[in-house]
């Protein structure tokens, strides 16, 4: 459960719990600060100090969503594609 925050306040740090691989991207910006992504027992879960974020994988595609529904991260053919979705917190 120990994650290394190698990214800055404006960076996103993705790492695997097994391999220890860390991917840093300075494209995603959050009001809560930096995000650290780690895998637990093969399942991907995103944790922050200020919220309950959960990462879901769909057939190799990675979709990142917050409780506010602001951020969406997708992987396409091994390439990382960052997009933002505007959703109301009331609608899940």
PDB file of N, CA and C in Angstrom:
ATOM      1  N   UNK A   1       0.818  -1.184   0.000  1.00  0.00           N
ATOM      2  CA  UNK A   1       0.000   0.000   0.000  1.00  0.00           C
ATOM      3  C   UNK A   1       0.862   1.248   0.000  1.00  0.00           C
ATOM      4  N   UNK A   2       2.155   1.050  -0.081  1.00  0.00           N
ATOM      5  CA  UNK A   2       3.056   2.193  -0.120  1.00  0.00           C
ATOM      6  C   UNK A   2       3.279   2.601  -1.556  1.00  0.00           C
ATOM      7  N   UNK A   3       2.945   3.834  -1.852  1.00  0.00           N
ATOM      8  CA  UNK A   3       3.084   4.332  -3.211  1.00  0.00           C
ATOM      9  C   UNK A   3       4.071   5.483  -3.229  1.00  0.00           C
ATOM     10  N   UNK A   4       4.821   5.548  -4.304  1.00  0.00           N
ATOM     11  CA  UNK A   4       5.819   6.602  -4.414  1.00  0.00           C
ATOM     12  C   UNK A   4       5.275   7.743  -5.257  1.00  0.00           C
ATOM     13  N   UNK A   5       5.156   8.925  -4.679  1.00  0.00           N
ATOM     14  CA  UNK A   5       4.688  10.085  -5.416  1.00  0.00           C
ATOM     15  C   UNK A   5       5.866  10.738  -6.127  1.00  0.00           C
ATOM     16  N   UNK A   6       6.174  10.233  -7.317  1.00  0.00           N
ATOM     17  CA  UNK A   6       7.310  10.756  -8.062  1.00  0.00           C
ATOM     18  C   UNK A   6       6.921  11.954  -8.918  1.00  0.00           C
ATOM     19  N   UNK A   7       5.607  12.173  -9.057  1.00  0.00           N
ATOM     20  CA  UNK A   7       5.141  13.287  -9.869  1.00  0.00           C
ATOM     21  C   UNK A   7       5.021  14.545  -9.044  1.00  0.00           C
ATOM     22  N   UNK A   8       4.949  15.651  -9.737  1.00  0.00           N
ATOM     23  CA  UNK A   8       4.788  16.916  -9.030  1.00  0.00           C
ATOM     24  C   UNK A   8       3.313  17.127  -8.701  1.00  0.00           C
ATOM     25  N   UNK A   9       2.974  18.300  -8.206  1.00  0.00           N
ATOM     26  CA  UNK A   9       1.586  18.582  -7.865  1.00  0.00           C
ATOM     27  C   UNK A   9       0.697  18.569  -9.098  1.00  0.00           C
ATOM     28  N   UNK A  10       1.294  18.725 -10.263  1.00  0.00           N
ATOM     29  CA  UNK A  10       0.518  18.735 -11.491  1.00  0.00           C
ATOM     30  C   UNK A  10       0.713  17.449 -12.277  1.00  0.00           C
ATOM     31  N   UNK A  11       1.321  16.454 -11.663  1.00  0.00           N
ATOM     32  CA  UNK A  11       1.644  15.238 -12.393  1.00  0.00           C
ATOM     33  C   UNK A  11       0.828  14.043 -11.947  1.00  0.00           C
ATOM     34  N   UNK A  12       0.740  13.057 -12.798  1.00  0.00           N
ATOM     35  CA  UNK A  12       0.051  11.821 -12.476  1.00  0.00           C
ATOM     36  C   UNK A  12       1.061  10.690 -12.480  1.00  0.00           C
ATOM     37  N   UNK A  13       1.114   9.947 -11.383  1.00  0.00           N
ATOM     38  CA  UNK A  13       2.080   8.859 -11.283  1.00  0.00           C
ATOM     39  C   UNK A  13       1.365   7.524 -11.337  1.00  0.00           C
ATOM     40  N   UNK A  14       1.665   6.725 -12.359  1.00  0.00           N
ATOM     41  CA  UNK A  14       1.056   5.421 -12.495  1.00  0.00           C
ATOM     42  C   UNK A  14       2.115   4.351 -12.262  1.00  0.00           C
ATOM     43  N   UNK A  15       1.839   3.431 -11.367  1.00  0.00           N
ATOM     44  CA  UNK A  15       2.803   2.380 -11.102  1.00  0.00           C
ATOM     45  C   UNK A  15       2.101   1.070 -10.825  1.00  0.00           C
ATOM     46  N   UNK A  16       2.789  -0.015 -11.069  1.00  0.00           N
ATOM     47  CA  UNK A  16       2.235  -1.330 -10.797  1.00  0.00           C
ATOM     48  C   UNK A  16       2.809  -1.864  -9.502  1.00  0.00           C
ATOM     49  N   UNK A  17       1.960  -2.487  -8.696  1.00  0.00           N
ATOM     50  CA  UNK A  17       2.372  -2.973  -7.386  1.00  0.00           C
ATOM     51  C   UNK A  17       3.326  -4.155  -7.514  1.00  0.00           C
ATOM     52  N   UNK A  18       3.227  -4.883  -8.622  1.00  0.00           N
ATOM     53  CA  UNK A  18       4.044  -6.075  -8.811  1.00  0.00           C
ATOM     54  C   UNK A  18       5.380  -5.745  -9.460  1.00  0.00           C
ATOM     55  N   UNK A  19       5.311  -5.063 -10.587  1.00  0.00           N
ATOM     56  CA  UNK A  19       6.529  -4.773 -11.338  1.00  0.00           C
ATOM     57  C   UNK A  19       7.272  -3.575 -10.785  1.00  0.00           C
ATOM     58  N   UNK A  20       6.558  -2.674 -10.146  1.00  0.00           N
ATOM     59  CA  UNK A  20       7.200  -1.476  -9.621  1.00  0.00           C
ATOM     60  C   UNK A  20       7.494  -0.472 -10.715  1.00  0.00           C
ATOM     61  N   UNK A  21       6.769  -0.594 -11.839  1.00  0.00           N
ATOM     62  CA  UNK A  21       6.962   0.324 -12.951  1.00  0.00           C
ATOM     63  C   UNK A  21       6.176   1.608 -12.717  1.00  0.00           C
ATOM     64  N   UNK A  22       6.816   2.725 -12.944  1.00  0.00           N
ATOM     65  CA  UNK A  22       6.153   4.009 -12.713  1.00  0.00           C
ATOM     66  C   UNK A  22       6.162   4.849 -13.982  1.00  0.00           C
ATOM     67  N   UNK A  23       4.977   5.308 -14.368  1.00  0.00           N
ATOM     68  CA  UNK A  23       4.859   6.157 -15.553  1.00  0.00           C
ATOM     69  C   UNK A  23       4.423   7.546 -15.122  1.00  0.00           C
ATOM     70  N   UNK A  24       5.223   8.534 -15.425  1.00  0.00           N
ATOM     71  CA  UNK A  24       4.903   9.898 -15.026  1.00  0.00           C
ATOM     72  C   UNK A  24       4.390  10.702 -16.214  1.00  0.00           C
ATOM     73  N   UNK A  25       3.276  11.379 -16.008  1.00  0.00           N
ATOM     74  CA  UNK A  25       2.769  12.284 -17.028  1.00  0.00           C
ATOM     75  C   UNK A  25       2.421  13.613 -16.384  1.00  0.00           C
ATOM     76  N   UNK A  26       2.836  14.681 -16.996  1.00  0.00           N
ATOM     77  CA  UNK A  26       2.578  16.013 -16.455  1.00  0.00           C
ATOM     78  C   UNK A  26       1.495  16.716 -17.264  1.00  0.00           C
ATOM     79  N   UNK A  27       0.430  15.983 -17.557  1.00  0.00           N
ATOM     80  CA  UNK A  27      -0.657  16.540 -18.350  1.00  0.00           C
ATOM     81  C   UNK A  27      -1.908  16.697 -17.506  1.00  0.00           C
ATOM     82  N   UNK A  28      -2.107  15.751 -16.597  1.00  0.00           N
ATOM     83  CA  UNK A  28      -3.299  15.774 -15.758  1.00  0.00           C
ATOM     84  C   UNK A  28      -3.125  16.723 -14.579  1.00  0.00           C
ATOM     85  N   UNK A  29      -4.102  17.573 -14.384  1.00  0.00           N
ATOM     86  CA  UNK A  29      -4.023  18.543 -13.297  1.00  0.00           C
ATOM     87  C   UNK A  29      -5.264  18.431 -12.414  1.00  0.00           C
ATOM     88  N   UNK A  30      -5.075  18.296 -11.112  1.00  0.00           N
ATOM     89  CA  UNK A  30      -6.204  18.166 -10.199  1.00  0.00           C
ATOM     90  C   UNK A  30      -6.110  19.187  -9.081  1.00  0.00           C
ATOM     91  N   UNK A  31      -7.256  19.545  -8.541  1.00  0.00           N
ATOM     92  CA  UNK A  31      -7.278  20.539  -7.470  1.00  0.00           C
ATOM     93  C   UNK A  31      -6.811  19.929  -6.165  1.00  0.00           C
ATOM     94  N   UNK A  32      -6.815  18.610  -6.097  1.00  0.00           N
ATOM     95  CA  UNK A  32      -6.412  17.949  -4.862  1.00  0.00           C
ATOM     96  C   UNK A  32      -4.908  17.736  -4.792  1.00  0.00           C
ATOM     97  N   UNK A  33      -4.219  17.922  -5.917  1.00  0.00           N
ATOM     98  CA  UNK A  33      -2.785  17.686  -5.934  1.00  0.00           C
ATOM     99  C   UNK A  33      -2.431  16.532  -6.852  1.00  0.00           C
ATOM    100  N   UNK A  34      -1.363  15.827  -6.537  1.00  0.00           N
ATOM    101  CA  UNK A  34      -0.910  14.753  -7.404  1.00  0.00           C
ATOM    102  C   UNK A  34      -1.647  13.461  -7.094  1.00  0.00           C
ATOM    103  N   UNK A  35      -1.789  12.631  -8.123  1.00  0.00           N
ATOM    104  CA  UNK A  35      -2.470  11.354  -7.980  1.00  0.00           C
ATOM    105  C   UNK A  35      -1.469  10.226  -8.150  1.00  0.00           C
ATOM    106  N   UNK A  36      -1.663   9.169  -7.400  1.00  0.00           N
ATOM    107  CA  UNK A  36      -0.769   8.023  -7.528  1.00  0.00           C
ATOM    108  C   UNK A  36      -1.579   6.771  -7.811  1.00  0.00           C
ATOM    109  N   UNK A  37      -1.253   6.092  -8.900  1.00  0.00           N
ATOM    110  CA  UNK A  37      -1.995   4.912  -9.315  1.00  0.00           C
ATOM    111  C   UNK A  37      -1.196   3.653  -9.034  1.00  0.00           C
ATOM    112  N   UNK A  38      -1.827   2.685  -8.400  1.00  0.00           N
ATOM    113  CA  UNK A  38      -1.145   1.428  -8.108  1.00  0.00           C
ATOM    114  C   UNK A  38      -2.074   0.251  -8.307  1.00  0.00           C
ATOM    115  N   UNK A  39      -1.516  -0.908  -8.531  1.00  0.00           N
ATOM    116  CA  UNK A  39      -2.327  -2.099  -8.698  1.00  0.00           C
ATOM    117  C   UNK A  39      -2.275  -2.941  -7.433  1.00  0.00           C
ATOM    118  N   UNK A  40      -3.408  -3.482  -7.041  1.00  0.00           N
ATOM    119  CA  UNK A  40      -3.463  -4.340  -5.868  1.00  0.00           C
ATOM    120  C   UNK A  40      -4.064  -5.688  -6.246  1.00  0.00           C
ATOM    121  N   UNK A  41      -3.290  -6.741  -6.092  1.00  0.00           N
ATOM    122  CA  UNK A  41      -3.754  -8.094  -6.384  1.00  0.00           C
ATOM    123  C   UNK A  41      -4.309  -8.206  -7.792  1.00  0.00           C
ATOM    124  N   UNK A  42      -3.724  -7.501  -8.721  1.00  0.00           N
ATOM    125  CA  UNK A  42      -4.166  -7.568 -10.109  1.00  0.00           C
ATOM    126  C   UNK A  42      -5.271  -6.567 -10.419  1.00  0.00           C
ATOM    127  N   UNK A  43      -5.893  -6.008  -9.391  1.00  0.00           N
ATOM    128  CA  UNK A  43      -6.937  -5.010  -9.596  1.00  0.00           C
ATOM    129  C   UNK A  43      -6.331  -3.618  -9.503  1.00  0.00           C
ATOM    130  N   UNK A  44      -6.802  -2.723 -10.345  1.00  0.00           N
ATOM    131  CA  UNK A  44      -6.277  -1.365 -10.343  1.00  0.00           C
ATOM    132  C   UNK A  44      -7.140  -0.466  -9.472  1.00  0.00           C
ATOM    133  N   UNK A  45      -6.520   0.233  -8.544  1.00  0.00           N
ATOM    134  CA  UNK A  45      -7.268   1.152  -7.690  1.00  0.00           C
ATOM    135  C   UNK A  45      -6.483   2.437  -7.503  1.00  0.00           C
ATOM    136  N   UNK A  46      -7.171   3.558  -7.657  1.00  0.00           N
ATOM    137  CA  UNK A  46      -6.528   4.855  -7.529  1.00  0.00           C
ATOM    138  C   UNK A  46      -6.816   5.439  -6.157  1.00  0.00           C
ATOM    139  N   UNK A  47      -5.778   5.885  -5.479  1.00  0.00           N
ATOM    140  CA  UNK A  47      -5.947   6.427  -4.148  1.00  0.00           C
ATOM    141  C   UNK A  47      -5.365   7.833  -4.048  1.00  0.00           C
ATOM    142  N   UNK A  48      -6.072   8.698  -3.331  1.00  0.00           N
ATOM    143  CA  UNK A  48      -5.549  10.025  -3.034  1.00  0.00           C
ATOM    144  C   UNK A  48      -5.792  10.341  -1.570  1.00  0.00           C
ATOM    145  N   UNK A  49      -5.130  11.374  -1.080  1.00  0.00           N
ATOM    146  CA  UNK A  49      -5.291  11.745   0.319  1.00  0.00           C
ATOM    147  C   UNK A  49      -6.605  12.479   0.552  1.00  0.00           C
ATOM    148  N   UNK A  50      -7.243  12.896  -0.517  1.00  0.00           N
ATOM    149  CA  UNK A  50      -8.430  13.728  -0.360  1.00  0.00           C
ATOM    150  C   UNK A  50      -9.691  13.151  -0.964  1.00  0.00           C
ATOM    151  N   UNK A  51      -9.705  11.907  -1.352  1.00  0.00           N
ATOM    152  CA  UNK A  51     -10.927  11.386  -1.969  1.00  0.00           C
ATOM    153  C   UNK A  51     -10.883   9.900  -2.218  1.00  0.00           C
ATOM    154  N   UNK A  52     -12.016   9.376  -2.682  1.00  0.00           N
ATOM    155  CA  UNK A  52     -12.107   7.955  -2.991  1.00  0.00           C
ATOM    156  C   UNK A  52     -12.158   7.809  -4.499  1.00  0.00           C
ATOM    157  N   UNK A  53     -11.015   7.582  -5.110  1.00  0.00           N
ATOM    158  CA  UNK A  53     -10.979   7.427  -6.557  1.00  0.00           C
ATOM    159  C   UNK A  53     -10.803   5.959  -6.894  1.00  0.00           C
ATOM    160  N   UNK A  54     -11.502   5.515  -7.920  1.00  0.00           N
ATOM    161  CA  UNK A  54     -11.387   4.115  -8.311  1.00  0.00           C
ATOM    162  C   UNK A  54     -11.088   4.004  -9.798  1.00  0.00           C
ATOM    163  N   UNK A  55     -10.152   3.150 -10.145  1.00  0.00           N
ATOM    164  CA  UNK A  55      -9.780   2.947 -11.541  1.00  0.00           C
ATOM    165  C   UNK A  55     -10.331   1.617 -12.028  1.00  0.00           C
ATOM    166  N   UNK A  56     -10.957   1.629 -13.180  1.00  0.00           N
ATOM    167  CA  UNK A  56     -11.516   0.405 -13.735  1.00  0.00           C
ATOM    168  C   UNK A  56     -10.825   0.067 -15.045  1.00  0.00           C
ATOM    169  N   UNK A  57     -10.628  -1.225 -15.272  1.00  0.00           N
ATOM    170  CA  UNK A  57     -10.036  -1.656 -16.534  1.00  0.00           C
ATOM    171  C   UNK A  57     -11.091  -2.387 -17.351  1.00  0.00           C
ATOM    172  N   UNK A  58     -11.172  -2.056 -18.625  1.00  0.00           N
ATOM    173  CA  UNK A  58     -12.145  -2.682 -19.488  1.00  0.00           C
ATOM    174  C   UNK A  58     -11.462  -3.234 -20.727  1.00  0.00           C
ATOM    175  N   UNK A  59     -11.226  -4.540 -20.729  1.00  0.00           N
ATOM    176  CA  UNK A  59     -10.606  -5.227 -21.852  1.00  0.00           C
ATOM    177  C   UNK A  59      -9.308  -4.562 -22.281  1.00  0.00           C
ATOM    178  N   UNK A  60      -8.466  -4.233 -21.312  1.00  0.00           N
ATOM    179  CA  UNK A  60      -7.180  -3.616 -21.630  1.00  0.00           C
ATOM    180  C   UNK A  60      -7.252  -2.101 -21.667  1.00  0.00           C
ATOM    181  N   UNK A  61      -8.477  -1.564 -21.729  1.00  0.00           N
ATOM    182  CA  UNK A  61      -8.638  -0.107 -21.724  1.00  0.00           C
ATOM    183  C   UNK A  61      -8.733   0.379 -20.291  1.00  0.00           C
ATOM    184  N   UNK A  62      -8.062   1.461 -19.999  1.00  0.00           N
ATOM    185  CA  UNK A  62      -8.076   2.006 -18.648  1.00  0.00           C
ATOM    186  C   UNK A  62      -8.931   3.264 -18.606  1.00  0.00           C
ATOM    187  N   UNK A  63      -9.947   3.263 -17.740  1.00  0.00           N
ATOM    188  CA  UNK A  63     -10.807   4.438 -17.614  1.00  0.00           C
ATOM    189  C   UNK A  63     -10.734   4.974 -16.199  1.00  0.00           C
ATOM    190  N   UNK A  64     -10.323   6.211 -16.060  1.00  0.00           N
ATOM    191  CA  UNK A  64     -10.192   6.830 -14.753  1.00  0.00           C
ATOM    192  C   UNK A  64     -11.367   7.754 -14.477  1.00  0.00           C
ATOM    193  N   UNK A  65     -12.026   7.558 -13.339  1.00  0.00           N
ATOM    194  CA  UNK A  65     -13.160   8.402 -12.980  1.00  0.00           C
ATOM    195  C   UNK A  65     -13.085   8.800 -11.525  1.00  0.00           C
ATOM    196  N   UNK A  66     -13.505  10.003 -11.237  1.00  0.00           N
ATOM    197  CA  UNK A  66     -13.516  10.460  -9.856  1.00  0.00           C
ATOM    198  C   UNK A  66     -14.958  10.533  -9.363  1.00  0.00           C
ATOM    199  N   UNK A  67     -15.136  10.792  -8.081  1.00  0.00           N
ATOM    200  CA  UNK A  67     -16.472  10.935  -7.527  1.00  0.00           C
ATOM    201  C   UNK A  67     -17.198  12.094  -8.206  1.00  0.00           C
ATOM    202  N   UNK A  68     -16.440  13.086  -8.653  1.00  0.00           N
ATOM    203  CA  UNK A  68     -17.022  14.243  -9.322  1.00  0.00           C
ATOM    204  C   UNK A  68     -17.256  13.980 -10.802  1.00  0.00           C
ATOM    205  N   UNK A  69     -16.628  12.950 -11.323  1.00  0.00           N
ATOM    206  CA  UNK A  69     -16.798  12.626 -12.729  1.00  0.00           C
ATOM    207  C   UNK A  69     -16.123  13.621 -13.640  1.00  0.00           C
ATOM    208  N   UNK A  70     -14.945  14.078 -13.271  1.00  0.00           N
ATOM    209  CA  UNK A  70     -14.237  15.102 -14.048  1.00  0.00           C
ATOM    210  C   UNK A  70     -13.174  14.548 -14.976  1.00  0.00           C
ATOM    211  N   UNK A  71     -12.505  13.489 -14.524  1.00  0.00           N
ATOM    212  CA  UNK A  71     -11.327  13.031 -15.251  1.00  0.00           C
ATOM    213  C   UNK A  71     -11.566  11.680 -15.904  1.00  0.00           C
ATOM    214  N   UNK A  72     -11.026  11.501 -17.085  1.00  0.00           N
ATOM    215  CA  UNK A  72     -11.129  10.214 -17.765  1.00  0.00           C
ATOM    216  C   UNK A  72      -9.816   9.900 -18.467  1.00  0.00           C
ATOM    217  N   UNK A  73      -9.207   8.794 -18.097  1.00  0.00           N
ATOM    218  CA  UNK A  73      -7.946   8.394 -18.709  1.00  0.00           C
ATOM    219  C   UNK A  73      -8.149   7.098 -19.484  1.00  0.00           C
ATOM    220  N   UNK A  74      -7.763   7.094 -20.740  1.00  0.00           N
ATOM    221  CA  UNK A  74      -7.950   5.913 -21.568  1.00  0.00           C
ATOM    222  C   UNK A  74      -6.639   5.513 -22.223  1.00  0.00           C
ATOM    223  N   UNK A  75      -6.443   4.211 -22.359  1.00  0.00           N
ATOM    224  CA  UNK A  75      -5.276   3.722 -23.078  1.00  0.00           C
ATOM    225  C   UNK A  75      -5.738   3.102 -24.389  1.00  0.00           C
ATOM    226  N   UNK A  76      -5.115   3.504 -25.465  1.00  0.00           N
ATOM    227  CA  UNK A  76      -5.498   2.992 -26.767  1.00  0.00           C
ATOM    228  C   UNK A  76      -4.280   2.414 -27.468  1.00  0.00           C
ATOM    229  N   UNK A  77      -4.267   1.096 -27.655  1.00  0.00           N
ATOM    230  CA  UNK A  77      -3.178   0.418 -28.334  1.00  0.00           C
ATOM    231  C   UNK A  77      -1.831   0.715 -27.697  1.00  0.00           C
ATOM    232  N   UNK A  78      -1.803   0.759 -26.371  1.00  0.00           N
ATOM    233  CA  UNK A  78      -0.551   0.991 -25.665  1.00  0.00           C
ATOM    234  C   UNK A  78      -0.219   2.463 -25.502  1.00  0.00           C
ATOM    235  N   UNK A  79      -0.934   3.308 -26.220  1.00  0.00           N
ATOM    236  CA  UNK A  79      -0.705   4.747 -26.100  1.00  0.00           C
ATOM    237  C   UNK A  79      -1.649   5.325 -25.057  1.00  0.00           C
ATOM    238  N   UNK A  80      -1.179   6.313 -24.312  1.00  0.00           N
ATOM    239  CA  UNK A  80      -2.011   6.924 -23.290  1.00  0.00           C
ATOM    240  C   UNK A  80      -2.755   8.121 -23.863  1.00  0.00           C
ATOM    241  N   UNK A  81      -4.086   8.093 -23.726  1.00  0.00           N
ATOM    242  CA  UNK A  81      -4.891   9.210 -24.211  1.00  0.00           C
ATOM    243  C   UNK A  81      -5.642   9.823 -23.043  1.00  0.00           C
ATOM    244  N   UNK A  82      -5.436  11.112 -22.816  1.00  0.00           N
ATOM    245  CA  UNK A  82      -6.074  11.791 -21.699  1.00  0.00           C
ATOM    246  C   UNK A  82      -7.246  12.635 -22.166  1.00  0.00           C
ATOM    247  N   UNK A  83      -8.393  12.444 -21.523  1.00  0.00           N
ATOM    248  CA  UNK A  83      -9.574  13.220 -21.873  1.00  0.00           C
ATOM    249  C   UNK A  83     -10.337  13.601 -20.626  1.00  0.00           C
ATOM    250  N   UNK A  84     -11.167  14.608 -20.739  1.00  0.00           N
ATOM    251  CA  UNK A  84     -11.966  15.026 -19.588  1.00  0.00           C
ATOM    252  C   UNK A  84     -13.445  14.884 -19.910  1.00  0.00           C
ATOM    253  N   UNK A  85     -14.192  14.370 -18.952  1.00  0.00           N
ATOM    254  CA  UNK A  85     -15.632  14.223 -19.119  1.00  0.00           C
ATOM    255  C   UNK A  85     -16.350  15.059 -18.078  1.00  0.00           C
ATOM    256  N   UNK A  86     -17.384  15.766 -18.496  1.00  0.00           N
ATOM    257  CA  UNK A  86     -18.121  16.596 -17.552  1.00  0.00           C
ATOM    258  C   UNK A  86     -19.404  15.887 -17.137  1.00  0.00           C
ATOM    259  N   UNK A  87     -19.426  15.414 -15.895  1.00  0.00           N
ATOM    260  CA  UNK A  87     -20.602  14.737 -15.369  1.00  0.00           C
ATOM    261  C   UNK A  87     -21.011  15.349 -14.049  1.00  0.00           C
ATOM    262  N   UNK A  88     -22.288  15.303 -13.751  1.00  0.00           N
ATOM    263  CA  UNK A  88     -22.767  15.810 -12.470  1.00  0.00           C
ATOM    264  C   UNK A  88     -22.490  14.781 -11.390  1.00  0.00           C
ATOM    265  N   UNK A  89     -22.171  15.244 -10.193  1.00  0.00           N
ATOM    266  CA  UNK A  89     -21.869  14.333  -9.094  1.00  0.00           C
ATOM    267  C   UNK A  89     -23.107  13.531  -8.702  1.00  0.00           C
ATOM    268  N   UNK A  90     -24.297  14.072  -9.003  1.00  0.00           N
ATOM    269  CA  UNK A  90     -25.527  13.372  -8.666  1.00  0.00           C
ATOM    270  C   UNK A  90     -25.743  12.184  -9.584  1.00  0.00           C
ATOM    271  N   UNK A  91     -25.413  12.341 -10.856  1.00  0.00           N
ATOM    272  CA  UNK A  91     -25.557  11.240 -11.804  1.00  0.00           C
ATOM    273  C   UNK A  91     -24.305  10.392 -11.797  1.00  0.00           C
ATOM    274  N   UNK A  92     -24.490   9.095 -11.644  1.00  0.00           N
ATOM    275  CA  UNK A  92     -23.332   8.194 -11.571  1.00  0.00           C
ATOM    276  C   UNK A  92     -23.032   7.635 -12.935  1.00  0.00           C
TER     277      UNK A  92
END
